[in-house]
Protein backbone atom coordinates (compact mmCIF):
# COMPACT_ATOMS: atom_id res chain seq x y z
CA MET A 1 -25.52 4.43 -42.03
CA LYS A 2 -26.18 3.53 -39.04
CA ASN A 3 -28.13 6.58 -36.78
CA ASN A 4 -26.90 7.32 -32.96
CA TYR A 5 -29.93 5.14 -31.93
CA ALA A 6 -28.74 2.13 -33.77
CA LYS A 7 -25.42 1.85 -33.02
CA HIS A 8 -26.06 2.65 -28.93
CA LYS A 9 -28.22 -0.03 -28.89
CA GLU A 10 -25.71 -2.78 -30.48
CA LYS A 11 -22.90 -1.27 -28.01
CA ALA A 12 -25.68 -1.69 -25.25
CA LYS A 13 -26.21 -5.22 -26.65
CA ARG A 14 -22.39 -5.88 -26.48
CA TYR A 15 -21.73 -4.75 -22.90
CA ARG A 16 -24.85 -6.67 -21.86
CA LEU A 17 -23.51 -10.08 -23.58
CA LYS A 18 -19.67 -9.23 -21.49
CA ILE A 19 -22.26 -8.40 -18.15
CA GLU A 20 -23.77 -12.20 -18.29
CA LYS A 21 -20.55 -13.98 -19.69
CA ILE A 22 -18.87 -12.62 -16.12
CA GLN A 23 -21.69 -13.38 -14.93
CA LYS A 24 -21.98 -16.90 -15.85
CA LYS A 25 -18.26 -17.20 -14.81
CA TYR A 26 -19.53 -16.34 -10.33
CA PRO A 27 -22.83 -18.08 -10.78
CA GLU A 28 -22.70 -17.95 -6.92
CA ILE A 29 -22.18 -14.17 -6.48
CA ASN A 30 -24.72 -11.68 -6.51
CA MET A 31 -23.09 -9.01 -9.20
CA LYS A 32 -26.05 -6.49 -8.34
CA SER A 33 -25.44 -5.95 -4.97
CA GLN A 34 -24.36 -2.58 -4.12
CA GLU A 35 -22.40 -4.00 -0.89
CA LEU A 36 -20.28 -5.95 -3.17
CA PHE A 37 -19.67 -3.10 -5.67
CA ARG A 38 -18.60 -0.77 -2.74
CA ASP A 39 -16.14 -3.30 -1.68
CA MET A 40 -14.66 -3.66 -5.21
CA MET A 41 -14.29 0.12 -5.53
CA LYS A 42 -12.50 0.10 -1.91
CA LEU A 43 -10.51 -3.18 -3.28
CA HIS A 44 -9.37 -1.56 -6.47
CA ASP A 45 -8.30 1.40 -4.52
CA LEU A 46 -6.43 -0.52 -2.24
CA PHE A 47 -4.42 -2.41 -5.04
CA ASN A 48 -3.64 1.11 -6.59
CA ARG A 49 -2.38 2.76 -3.24
CA VAL A 50 -0.20 -0.81 -2.57
CA VAL A 51 1.68 -0.24 -5.93
CA TYR A 52 2.18 3.33 -5.24
CA GLU A 53 3.27 2.85 -1.68
CA ASP A 54 5.70 -0.10 -2.61
CA VAL A 55 7.48 2.29 -5.58
CA ASP A 56 7.84 4.81 -3.24
CA ALA A 57 9.19 2.66 -0.65
CA ASP A 58 11.88 1.32 -3.23
CA GLU A 59 12.94 5.21 -4.10
CA CYS A 60 14.80 6.18 -1.53
CA LYS A 61 15.72 4.61 2.25
CA SER A 62 16.56 7.82 3.75
CA ASP A 63 14.76 9.94 5.45
CA ASN A 64 17.24 12.49 5.77
CA PRO A 65 16.45 15.16 3.03
CA ASP A 66 20.43 15.86 2.52
CA ARG A 67 21.47 12.50 3.04
CA MET A 68 21.50 10.07 -0.27
CA CYS A 69 21.38 6.70 -0.30
CA SER A 70 24.09 4.48 -2.27
CA ASP A 71 20.87 3.16 -4.68
CA CYS A 72 19.09 6.83 -4.78
CA ILE A 73 16.85 7.44 -7.82
CA CYS A 74 14.91 10.43 -6.26
CA TRP A 75 14.73 13.87 -6.38
CA LYS A 76 17.95 13.83 -3.99
CA GLN A 77 20.00 12.68 -6.80
CA THR A 78 19.40 15.94 -8.99
CA ARG A 79 19.78 18.40 -5.58
CA LYS A 80 23.14 16.71 -4.93
CA MET A 81 24.13 17.52 -8.83
CA SER A 82 23.13 21.18 -8.15
């Protein structure tokens, strides 16, 4: 049975190999750049926000809380039932 040190060393080795594989795909990019890291985090956040906004935009076309669209599936549908 392996101790924790050996398990963690093996995991670290596997992660380093995955990192190297990714770095080899993009040799012209400095993967250790803090600026790149921040920009990638911002990009990831923006992609997530776009998805949520697109979903919310498709839910309901009416800003009036008393009026439901013909193809509405938002909370107004349950409000209308009560």
